[in-house]
All heavy atoms as atom14 arrays in JSON, in Angstrom:
{
  "sequence": "AGSVPRGDTSTEDEAHVERMRADAKFQQEHGLVVDAIREQ",
  "atom14_mask": [
    [1, 1, 1, 1, 1, 0, 0, 0, 0, 0, 0, 0, 0, 0],
    [1, 1, 1, 1, 0, 0, 0, 0, 0, 0, 0, 0, 0, 0],
    [1, 1, 1, 1, 1, 1, 0, 0, 0, 0, 0, 0, 0, 0],
    [1, 1, 1, 1, 1, 1, 1, 0, 0, 0, 0, 0, 0, 0],
    [1, 1, 1, 1, 1, 1, 1, 0, 0, 0, 0, 0, 0, 0],
    [1, 1, 1, 1, 1, 1, 1, 1, 1, 1, 1, 0, 0, 0],
    [1, 1, 1, 1, 0, 0, 0, 0, 0, 0, 0, 0, 0, 0],
    [1, 1, 1, 1, 1, 1, 1, 1, 0, 0, 0, 0, 0, 0],
    [1, 1, 1, 1, 1, 1, 1, 0, 0, 0, 0, 0, 0, 0],
    [1, 1, 1, 1, 1, 1, 0, 0, 0, 0, 0, 0, 0, 0],
    [1, 1, 1, 1, 1, 1, 1, 0, 0, 0, 0, 0, 0, 0],
    [1, 1, 1, 1, 1, 1, 1, 1, 1, 0, 0, 0, 0, 0],
    [1, 1, 1, 1, 1, 1, 1, 1, 0, 0, 0, 0, 0, 0],
    [1, 1, 1, 1, 1, 1, 1, 1, 1, 0, 0, 0, 0, 0],
    [1, 1, 1, 1, 1, 0, 0, 0, 0, 0, 0, 0, 0, 0],
    [1, 1, 1, 1, 1, 1, 1, 1, 1, 1, 0, 0, 0, 0],
    [1, 1, 1, 1, 1, 1, 1, 0, 0, 0, 0, 0, 0, 0],
    [1, 1, 1, 1, 1, 1, 1, 1, 1, 0, 0, 0, 0, 0],
    [1, 1, 1, 1, 1, 1, 1, 1, 1, 1, 1, 0, 0, 0],
    [1, 1, 1, 1, 1, 1, 1, 1, 0, 0, 0, 0, 0, 0],
    [1, 1, 1, 1, 1, 1, 1, 1, 1, 1, 1, 0, 0, 0],
    [1, 1, 1, 1, 1, 0, 0, 0, 0, 0, 0, 0, 0, 0],
    [1, 1, 1, 1, 1, 1, 1, 1, 0, 0, 0, 0, 0, 0],
    [1, 1, 1, 1, 1, 0, 0, 0, 0, 0, 0, 0, 0, 0],
    [1, 1, 1, 1, 1, 1, 1, 1, 1, 0, 0, 0, 0, 0],
    [1, 1, 1, 1, 1, 1, 1, 1, 1, 1, 1, 0, 0, 0],
    [1, 1, 1, 1, 1, 1, 1, 1, 1, 0, 0, 0, 0, 0],
    [1, 1, 1, 1, 1, 1, 1, 1, 1, 0, 0, 0, 0, 0],
    [1, 1, 1, 1, 1, 1, 1, 1, 1, 0, 0, 0, 0, 0],
    [1, 1, 1, 1, 1, 1, 1, 1, 1, 1, 0, 0, 0, 0],
    [1, 1, 1, 1, 0, 0, 0, 0, 0, 0, 0, 0, 0, 0],
    [1, 1, 1, 1, 1, 1, 1, 1, 0, 0, 0, 0, 0, 0],
    [1, 1, 1, 1, 1, 1, 1, 0, 0, 0, 0, 0, 0, 0],
    [1, 1, 1, 1, 1, 1, 1, 0, 0, 0, 0, 0, 0, 0],
    [1, 1, 1, 1, 1, 1, 1, 1, 0, 0, 0, 0, 0, 0],
    [1, 1, 1, 1, 1, 0, 0, 0, 0, 0, 0, 0, 0, 0],
    [1, 1, 1, 1, 1, 1, 1, 1, 0, 0, 0, 0, 0, 0],
    [1, 1, 1, 1, 1, 1, 1, 1, 1, 1, 1, 0, 0, 0],
    [1, 1, 1, 1, 1, 1, 1, 1, 1, 0, 0, 0, 0, 0],
    [1, 1, 1, 1, 1, 1, 1, 1, 1, 0, 0, 0, 0, 0]
  ],
  "atom14_positions": [
    [[3.46, 9.83, 18.99], [3.05, 11.05, 18.2], [3.79, 10.93, 16.82], [4.93, 10.6, 16.74], [3.3, 12.29, 18.84], [0.0, 0.0, 0.0], [0.0, 0.0, 0.0], [0.0, 0.0, 0.0], [0.0, 0.0, 0.0], [0.0, 0.0, 0.0], [0.0, 0.0, 0.0], [0.0, 0.0, 0.0], [0.0, 0.0, 0.0], [0.0, 0.0, 0.0]],
    [[3.2, 11.36, 15.77], [3.66, 11.25, 14.49], [3.19, 9.91, 13.76], [3.38, 8.86, 14.33], [0.0, 0.0, 0.0], [0.0, 0.0, 0.0], [0.0, 0.0, 0.0], [0.0, 0.0, 0.0], [0.0, 0.0, 0.0], [0.0, 0.0, 0.0], [0.0, 0.0, 0.0], [0.0, 0.0, 0.0], [0.0, 0.0, 0.0], [0.0, 0.0, 0.0]],
    [[2.47, 10.01, 12.62], [1.91, 8.74, 12.06], [1.94, 8.8, 10.57], [1.85, 9.92, 9.93], [0.42, 8.52, 12.59], [-0.24, 9.64, 12.35], [0.0, 0.0, 0.0], [0.0, 0.0, 0.0], [0.0, 0.0, 0.0], [0.0, 0.0, 0.0], [0.0, 0.0, 0.0], [0.0, 0.0, 0.0], [0.0, 0.0, 0.0], [0.0, 0.0, 0.0]],
    [[2.07, 7.72, 9.97], [2.0, 7.46, 8.48], [1.22, 6.18, 8.2], [1.03, 5.4, 9.06], [3.4, 7.25, 7.9], [4.23, 8.7, 7.91], [4.23, 6.17, 8.54], [0.0, 0.0, 0.0], [0.0, 0.0, 0.0], [0.0, 0.0, 0.0], [0.0, 0.0, 0.0], [0.0, 0.0, 0.0], [0.0, 0.0, 0.0], [0.0, 0.0, 0.0]],
    [[0.74, 6.05, 6.96], [-0.08, 4.85, 6.65], [0.71, 3.6, 6.6], [2.02, 3.66, 6.56], [-0.61, 5.15, 5.23], [-0.38, 6.58, 4.99], [0.79, 6.92, 5.84], [0.0, 0.0, 0.0], [0.0, 0.0, 0.0], [0.0, 0.0, 0.0], [0.0, 0.0, 0.0], [0.0, 0.0, 0.0], [0.0, 0.0, 0.0], [0.0, 0.0, 0.0]],
    [[0.16, 2.48, 6.62], [0.8, 1.19, 6.31], [0.93, 1.11, 4.81], [0.11, 1.55, 4.03], [0.04, -0.01, 6.86], [0.03, -0.12, 8.41], [1.29, -0.44, 8.99], [1.99, -1.5, 8.49], [1.88, -2.81, 9.02], [1.13, -3.01, 10.03], [2.51, -3.75, 8.46], [0.0, 0.0, 0.0], [0.0, 0.0, 0.0], [0.0, 0.0, 0.0]],
    [[1.9, 0.35, 4.36], [2.1, 0.07, 2.98], [1.52, -1.34, 2.6], [1.15, -2.07, 3.54], [0.0, 0.0, 0.0], [0.0, 0.0, 0.0], [0.0, 0.0, 0.0], [0.0, 0.0, 0.0], [0.0, 0.0, 0.0], [0.0, 0.0, 0.0], [0.0, 0.0, 0.0], [0.0, 0.0, 0.0], [0.0, 0.0, 0.0], [0.0, 0.0, 0.0]],
    [[1.43, -1.53, 1.28], [0.91, -2.87, 0.84], [1.95, -3.96, 1.09], [1.62, -5.18, 1.08], [0.53, -2.8, -0.58], [-0.68, -1.86, -0.82], [-1.56, -1.75, 0.11], [-0.79, -1.29, -1.9], [0.0, 0.0, 0.0], [0.0, 0.0, 0.0], [0.0, 0.0, 0.0], [0.0, 0.0, 0.0], [0.0, 0.0, 0.0], [0.0, 0.0, 0.0]],
    [[3.26, -3.58, 1.15], [4.4, -4.57, 1.4], [5.28, -4.11, 2.54], [5.09, -2.86, 2.88], [5.13, -4.68, 0.13], [5.78, -3.5, -0.17], [4.25, -5.05, -1.1], [0.0, 0.0, 0.0], [0.0, 0.0, 0.0], [0.0, 0.0, 0.0], [0.0, 0.0, 0.0], [0.0, 0.0, 0.0], [0.0, 0.0, 0.0], [0.0, 0.0, 0.0]],
    [[6.05, -4.88, 2.89], [6.95, -4.57, 4.04], [7.95, -3.47, 3.53], [8.37, -2.62, 4.29], [7.8, -5.73, 4.46], [8.51, -6.35, 3.45], [0.0, 0.0, 0.0], [0.0, 0.0, 0.0], [0.0, 0.0, 0.0], [0.0, 0.0, 0.0], [0.0, 0.0, 0.0], [0.0, 0.0, 0.0], [0.0, 0.0, 0.0], [0.0, 0.0, 0.0]],
    [[8.29, -3.52, 2.22], [9.11, -2.46, 1.66], [8.49, -1.1, 1.72], [9.12, -0.12, 2.04], [9.52, -2.86, 0.22], [10.24, -4.12, 0.21], [10.44, -1.77, -0.44], [0.0, 0.0, 0.0], [0.0, 0.0, 0.0], [0.0, 0.0, 0.0], [0.0, 0.0, 0.0], [0.0, 0.0, 0.0], [0.0, 0.0, 0.0], [0.0, 0.0, 0.0]],
    [[7.22, -1.1, 1.44], [6.46, 0.08, 1.48], [6.32, 0.58, 2.87], [6.42, 1.8, 3.19], [5.04, 0.0, 0.77], [5.14, -0.16, -0.77], [3.74, -0.27, -1.31], [2.72, -0.1, -0.56], [3.69, -0.54, -2.53], [0.0, 0.0, 0.0], [0.0, 0.0, 0.0], [0.0, 0.0, 0.0], [0.0, 0.0, 0.0], [0.0, 0.0, 0.0]],
    [[6.08, -0.28, 3.8], [6.04, 0.03, 5.29], [7.28, 0.74, 5.66], [7.26, 1.83, 6.31], [5.92, -1.16, 6.03], [4.43, -1.56, 6.38], [3.57, -0.75, 6.07], [4.21, -2.64, 6.97], [0.0, 0.0, 0.0], [0.0, 0.0, 0.0], [0.0, 0.0, 0.0], [0.0, 0.0, 0.0], [0.0, 0.0, 0.0], [0.0, 0.0, 0.0]],
    [[8.43, 0.19, 5.26], [9.72, 0.79, 5.68], [9.92, 2.11, 4.96], [10.52, 3.1, 5.62], [10.92, -0.12, 5.37], [10.82, -1.33, 6.29], [11.07, -1.02, 7.78], [11.78, -0.03, 8.0], [10.38, -1.66, 8.58], [0.0, 0.0, 0.0], [0.0, 0.0, 0.0], [0.0, 0.0, 0.0], [0.0, 0.0, 0.0], [0.0, 0.0, 0.0]],
    [[9.41, 2.27, 3.77], [9.63, 3.64, 3.03], [8.85, 4.68, 3.86], [9.31, 5.81, 4.02], [9.18, 3.55, 1.7], [0.0, 0.0, 0.0], [0.0, 0.0, 0.0], [0.0, 0.0, 0.0], [0.0, 0.0, 0.0], [0.0, 0.0, 0.0], [0.0, 0.0, 0.0], [0.0, 0.0, 0.0], [0.0, 0.0, 0.0], [0.0, 0.0, 0.0]],
    [[7.64, 4.41, 4.32], [6.85, 5.27, 5.02], [7.6, 5.66, 6.36], [7.59, 6.81, 6.78], [5.5, 4.82, 5.33], [4.52, 4.75, 4.13], [4.25, 5.8, 3.44], [3.73, 3.76, 3.65], [3.41, 5.54, 2.49], [3.06, 4.25, 2.58], [0.0, 0.0, 0.0], [0.0, 0.0, 0.0], [0.0, 0.0, 0.0], [0.0, 0.0, 0.0]],
    [[8.02, 4.61, 7.06], [8.74, 4.85, 8.3], [9.96, 5.71, 8.14], [10.27, 6.66, 8.94], [9.08, 3.58, 8.97], [10.09, 3.73, 10.16], [7.8, 2.81, 9.46], [0.0, 0.0, 0.0], [0.0, 0.0, 0.0], [0.0, 0.0, 0.0], [0.0, 0.0, 0.0], [0.0, 0.0, 0.0], [0.0, 0.0, 0.0], [0.0, 0.0, 0.0]],
    [[10.8, 5.44, 7.14], [11.98, 6.21, 6.91], [11.7, 7.67, 6.56], [12.33, 8.63, 7.0], [12.81, 5.55, 5.75], [13.44, 4.25, 6.11], [14.33, 4.45, 7.41], [15.08, 5.34, 7.49], [14.2, 3.69, 8.37], [0.0, 0.0, 0.0], [0.0, 0.0, 0.0], [0.0, 0.0, 0.0], [0.0, 0.0, 0.0], [0.0, 0.0, 0.0]],
    [[10.6, 7.84, 5.91], [10.15, 9.27, 5.59], [9.85, 9.95, 6.83], [10.16, 11.12, 7.21], [8.94, 9.26, 4.68], [8.33, 10.65, 4.45], [7.26, 10.6, 3.39], [6.15, 9.8, 3.72], [5.1, 10.24, 4.36], [5.08, 11.46, 4.73], [4.09, 9.41, 4.58], [0.0, 0.0, 0.0], [0.0, 0.0, 0.0], [0.0, 0.0, 0.0]],
    [[9.15, 9.21, 7.77], [8.72, 9.82, 9.11], [9.96, 10.03, 10.03], [10.05, 11.12, 10.69], [7.75, 8.89, 9.84], [7.12, 9.5, 11.01], [5.7, 8.5, 11.61], [6.29, 6.78, 11.66], [0.0, 0.0, 0.0], [0.0, 0.0, 0.0], [0.0, 0.0, 0.0], [0.0, 0.0, 0.0], [0.0, 0.0, 0.0], [0.0, 0.0, 0.0]],
    [[10.93, 9.14, 10.0], [12.08, 9.34, 10.83], [12.97, 10.53, 10.29], [13.54, 11.1, 11.14], [13.01, 8.08, 10.76], [12.37, 6.89, 11.46], [13.49, 5.78, 11.47], [13.03, 4.49, 12.03], [12.91, 4.2, 13.33], [13.18, 5.08, 14.24], [12.59, 2.98, 13.7], [0.0, 0.0, 0.0], [0.0, 0.0, 0.0], [0.0, 0.0, 0.0]],
    [[12.92, 10.75, 9.0], [13.86, 11.77, 8.37], [13.09, 13.15, 8.34], [13.87, 14.17, 8.19], [14.28, 11.37, 7.07], [0.0, 0.0, 0.0], [0.0, 0.0, 0.0], [0.0, 0.0, 0.0], [0.0, 0.0, 0.0], [0.0, 0.0, 0.0], [0.0, 0.0, 0.0], [0.0, 0.0, 0.0], [0.0, 0.0, 0.0], [0.0, 0.0, 0.0]],
    [[11.83, 13.17, 8.48], [11.03, 14.45, 8.31], [11.15, 15.31, 9.63], [10.78, 14.87, 10.74], [9.63, 14.06, 8.07], [8.77, 15.27, 7.65], [8.46, 16.12, 8.48], [8.55, 15.44, 6.39], [0.0, 0.0, 0.0], [0.0, 0.0, 0.0], [0.0, 0.0, 0.0], [0.0, 0.0, 0.0], [0.0, 0.0, 0.0], [0.0, 0.0, 0.0]],
    [[11.55, 16.54, 9.5], [11.68, 17.44, 10.61], [10.43, 17.82, 11.2], [10.28, 17.83, 12.51], [12.32, 18.84, 10.09], [0.0, 0.0, 0.0], [0.0, 0.0, 0.0], [0.0, 0.0, 0.0], [0.0, 0.0, 0.0], [0.0, 0.0, 0.0], [0.0, 0.0, 0.0], [0.0, 0.0, 0.0], [0.0, 0.0, 0.0], [0.0, 0.0, 0.0]],
    [[9.3, 17.85, 10.48], [8.02, 18.11, 11.13], [7.55, 16.94, 12.01], [7.07, 17.1, 13.16], [7.0, 18.25, 9.95], [5.53, 18.57, 10.47], [4.61, 17.44, 10.09], [3.18, 17.69, 10.51], [2.35, 16.49, 10.35], [0.0, 0.0, 0.0], [0.0, 0.0, 0.0], [0.0, 0.0, 0.0], [0.0, 0.0, 0.0], [0.0, 0.0, 0.0]],
    [[7.73, 15.65, 11.54], [7.29, 14.49, 12.37], [8.23, 14.49, 13.73], [7.79, 14.23, 14.84], [7.51, 13.29, 11.71], [6.41, 12.98, 10.71], [6.74, 12.9, 9.22], [5.19, 12.67, 11.08], [5.71, 12.61, 8.35], [4.09, 12.4, 10.2], [4.5, 12.32, 8.83], [0.0, 0.0, 0.0], [0.0, 0.0, 0.0], [0.0, 0.0, 0.0]],
    [[9.47, 14.73, 13.53], [10.44, 14.67, 14.69], [10.13, 15.78, 15.64], [10.21, 15.49, 16.9], [11.89, 14.64, 14.16], [12.35, 13.36, 13.41], [12.14, 12.2, 14.25], [12.44, 12.16, 15.51], [11.85, 11.04, 13.59], [0.0, 0.0, 0.0], [0.0, 0.0, 0.0], [0.0, 0.0, 0.0], [0.0, 0.0, 0.0], [0.0, 0.0, 0.0]],
    [[9.74, 16.96, 15.13], [9.48, 18.1, 16.1], [8.27, 17.67, 16.92], [8.14, 17.86, 18.12], [9.32, 19.37, 15.36], [8.91, 20.53, 16.21], [8.33, 21.64, 15.46], [7.93, 21.53, 14.4], [8.23, 22.8, 16.12], [0.0, 0.0, 0.0], [0.0, 0.0, 0.0], [0.0, 0.0, 0.0], [0.0, 0.0, 0.0], [0.0, 0.0, 0.0]],
    [[7.21, 17.2, 16.15], [5.9, 16.76, 16.8], [6.15, 15.76, 17.94], [5.63, 15.82, 19.04], [5.05, 16.31, 15.85], [3.56, 15.93, 16.4], [2.7, 15.35, 15.32], [3.03, 15.33, 14.19], [1.61, 14.84, 15.7], [0.0, 0.0, 0.0], [0.0, 0.0, 0.0], [0.0, 0.0, 0.0], [0.0, 0.0, 0.0], [0.0, 0.0, 0.0]],
    [[6.99, 14.77, 17.52], [7.26, 13.71, 18.51], [8.12, 14.18, 19.7], [7.89, 13.91, 20.83], [7.97, 12.52, 17.85], [8.06, 11.33, 18.68], [7.07, 10.45, 18.88], [9.1, 10.86, 19.33], [7.39, 9.47, 19.77], [8.66, 9.63, 20.03], [0.0, 0.0, 0.0], [0.0, 0.0, 0.0], [0.0, 0.0, 0.0], [0.0, 0.0, 0.0]],
    [[9.13, 15.0, 19.39], [9.99, 15.49, 20.39], [9.28, 16.41, 21.43], [9.62, 16.31, 22.68], [0.0, 0.0, 0.0], [0.0, 0.0, 0.0], [0.0, 0.0, 0.0], [0.0, 0.0, 0.0], [0.0, 0.0, 0.0], [0.0, 0.0, 0.0], [0.0, 0.0, 0.0], [0.0, 0.0, 0.0], [0.0, 0.0, 0.0], [0.0, 0.0, 0.0]],
    [[8.33, 17.18, 20.97], [7.54, 17.97, 21.96], [6.86, 17.12, 22.95], [6.72, 17.42, 24.14], [6.46, 18.82, 21.11], [7.02, 20.04, 20.33], [5.96, 20.67, 19.49], [7.73, 20.99, 21.29], [0.0, 0.0, 0.0], [0.0, 0.0, 0.0], [0.0, 0.0, 0.0], [0.0, 0.0, 0.0], [0.0, 0.0, 0.0], [0.0, 0.0, 0.0]],
    [[6.21, 15.97, 22.53], [5.61, 15.03, 23.48], [6.64, 14.43, 24.43], [6.34, 14.37, 25.59], [4.86, 13.97, 22.67], [4.14, 12.92, 23.6], [3.82, 14.61, 21.71], [0.0, 0.0, 0.0], [0.0, 0.0, 0.0], [0.0, 0.0, 0.0], [0.0, 0.0, 0.0], [0.0, 0.0, 0.0], [0.0, 0.0, 0.0], [0.0, 0.0, 0.0]],
    [[7.71, 13.91, 23.86], [8.75, 13.3, 24.82], [9.21, 14.39, 25.8], [9.24, 14.0, 27.06], [9.96, 12.88, 23.97], [11.1, 12.35, 24.95], [9.55, 11.73, 23.08], [0.0, 0.0, 0.0], [0.0, 0.0, 0.0], [0.0, 0.0, 0.0], [0.0, 0.0, 0.0], [0.0, 0.0, 0.0], [0.0, 0.0, 0.0], [0.0, 0.0, 0.0]],
    [[9.53, 15.58, 25.34], [10.03, 16.61, 26.4], [8.91, 16.93, 27.4], [9.28, 17.11, 28.56], [10.42, 17.85, 25.62], [11.7, 17.68, 24.73], [12.43, 16.65, 24.96], [11.84, 18.44, 23.78], [0.0, 0.0, 0.0], [0.0, 0.0, 0.0], [0.0, 0.0, 0.0], [0.0, 0.0, 0.0], [0.0, 0.0, 0.0], [0.0, 0.0, 0.0]],
    [[7.76, 17.0, 26.97], [6.68, 17.4, 28.02], [6.45, 16.35, 28.98], [6.3, 16.64, 30.15], [5.31, 17.64, 27.25], [0.0, 0.0, 0.0], [0.0, 0.0, 0.0], [0.0, 0.0, 0.0], [0.0, 0.0, 0.0], [0.0, 0.0, 0.0], [0.0, 0.0, 0.0], [0.0, 0.0, 0.0], [0.0, 0.0, 0.0], [0.0, 0.0, 0.0]],
    [[6.43, 15.11, 28.59], [6.26, 13.94, 29.53], [7.47, 13.94, 30.45], [7.27, 13.75, 31.8], [6.1, 12.59, 28.82], [4.78, 12.6, 27.99], [6.21, 11.48, 29.74], [4.6, 11.28, 27.17], [0.0, 0.0, 0.0], [0.0, 0.0, 0.0], [0.0, 0.0, 0.0], [0.0, 0.0, 0.0], [0.0, 0.0, 0.0], [0.0, 0.0, 0.0]],
    [[8.65, 14.17, 30.07], [9.75, 14.14, 30.88], [9.71, 15.3, 31.87], [9.88, 15.04, 33.1], [11.0, 14.37, 30.06], [12.34, 14.38, 30.97], [13.52, 14.9, 30.07], [13.97, 13.98, 29.1], [13.94, 14.2, 27.8], [13.32, 15.24, 27.35], [14.42, 13.3, 26.89], [0.0, 0.0, 0.0], [0.0, 0.0, 0.0], [0.0, 0.0, 0.0]],
    [[9.24, 16.41, 31.48], [9.1, 17.58, 32.37], [7.91, 17.41, 33.42], [8.06, 17.79, 34.54], [8.81, 18.85, 31.61], [9.98, 19.3, 30.76], [9.74, 20.49, 29.87], [8.56, 20.98, 29.95], [10.55, 20.9, 29.02], [0.0, 0.0, 0.0], [0.0, 0.0, 0.0], [0.0, 0.0, 0.0], [0.0, 0.0, 0.0], [0.0, 0.0, 0.0]],
    [[6.84, 16.67, 32.95], [5.76, 16.43, 33.86], [6.01, 15.41, 34.86], [5.5, 15.44, 36.09], [4.52, 16.05, 33.03], [3.89, 17.24, 32.22], [3.06, 16.66, 31.07], [3.33, 15.57, 30.5], [2.17, 17.54, 30.59], [0.0, 0.0, 0.0], [0.0, 0.0, 0.0], [0.0, 0.0, 0.0], [0.0, 0.0, 0.0], [0.0, 0.0, 0.0]]
  ]
}
């Protein structure tokens, strides 16, 4: 859960990923999925 586009270069790829890792909205969305699977 949580997605961003691919970049044209590996540097752009990593920039998208770092934005996703640091973004509270992405981390909240992903964390909800992890917690639910653990509980289930």
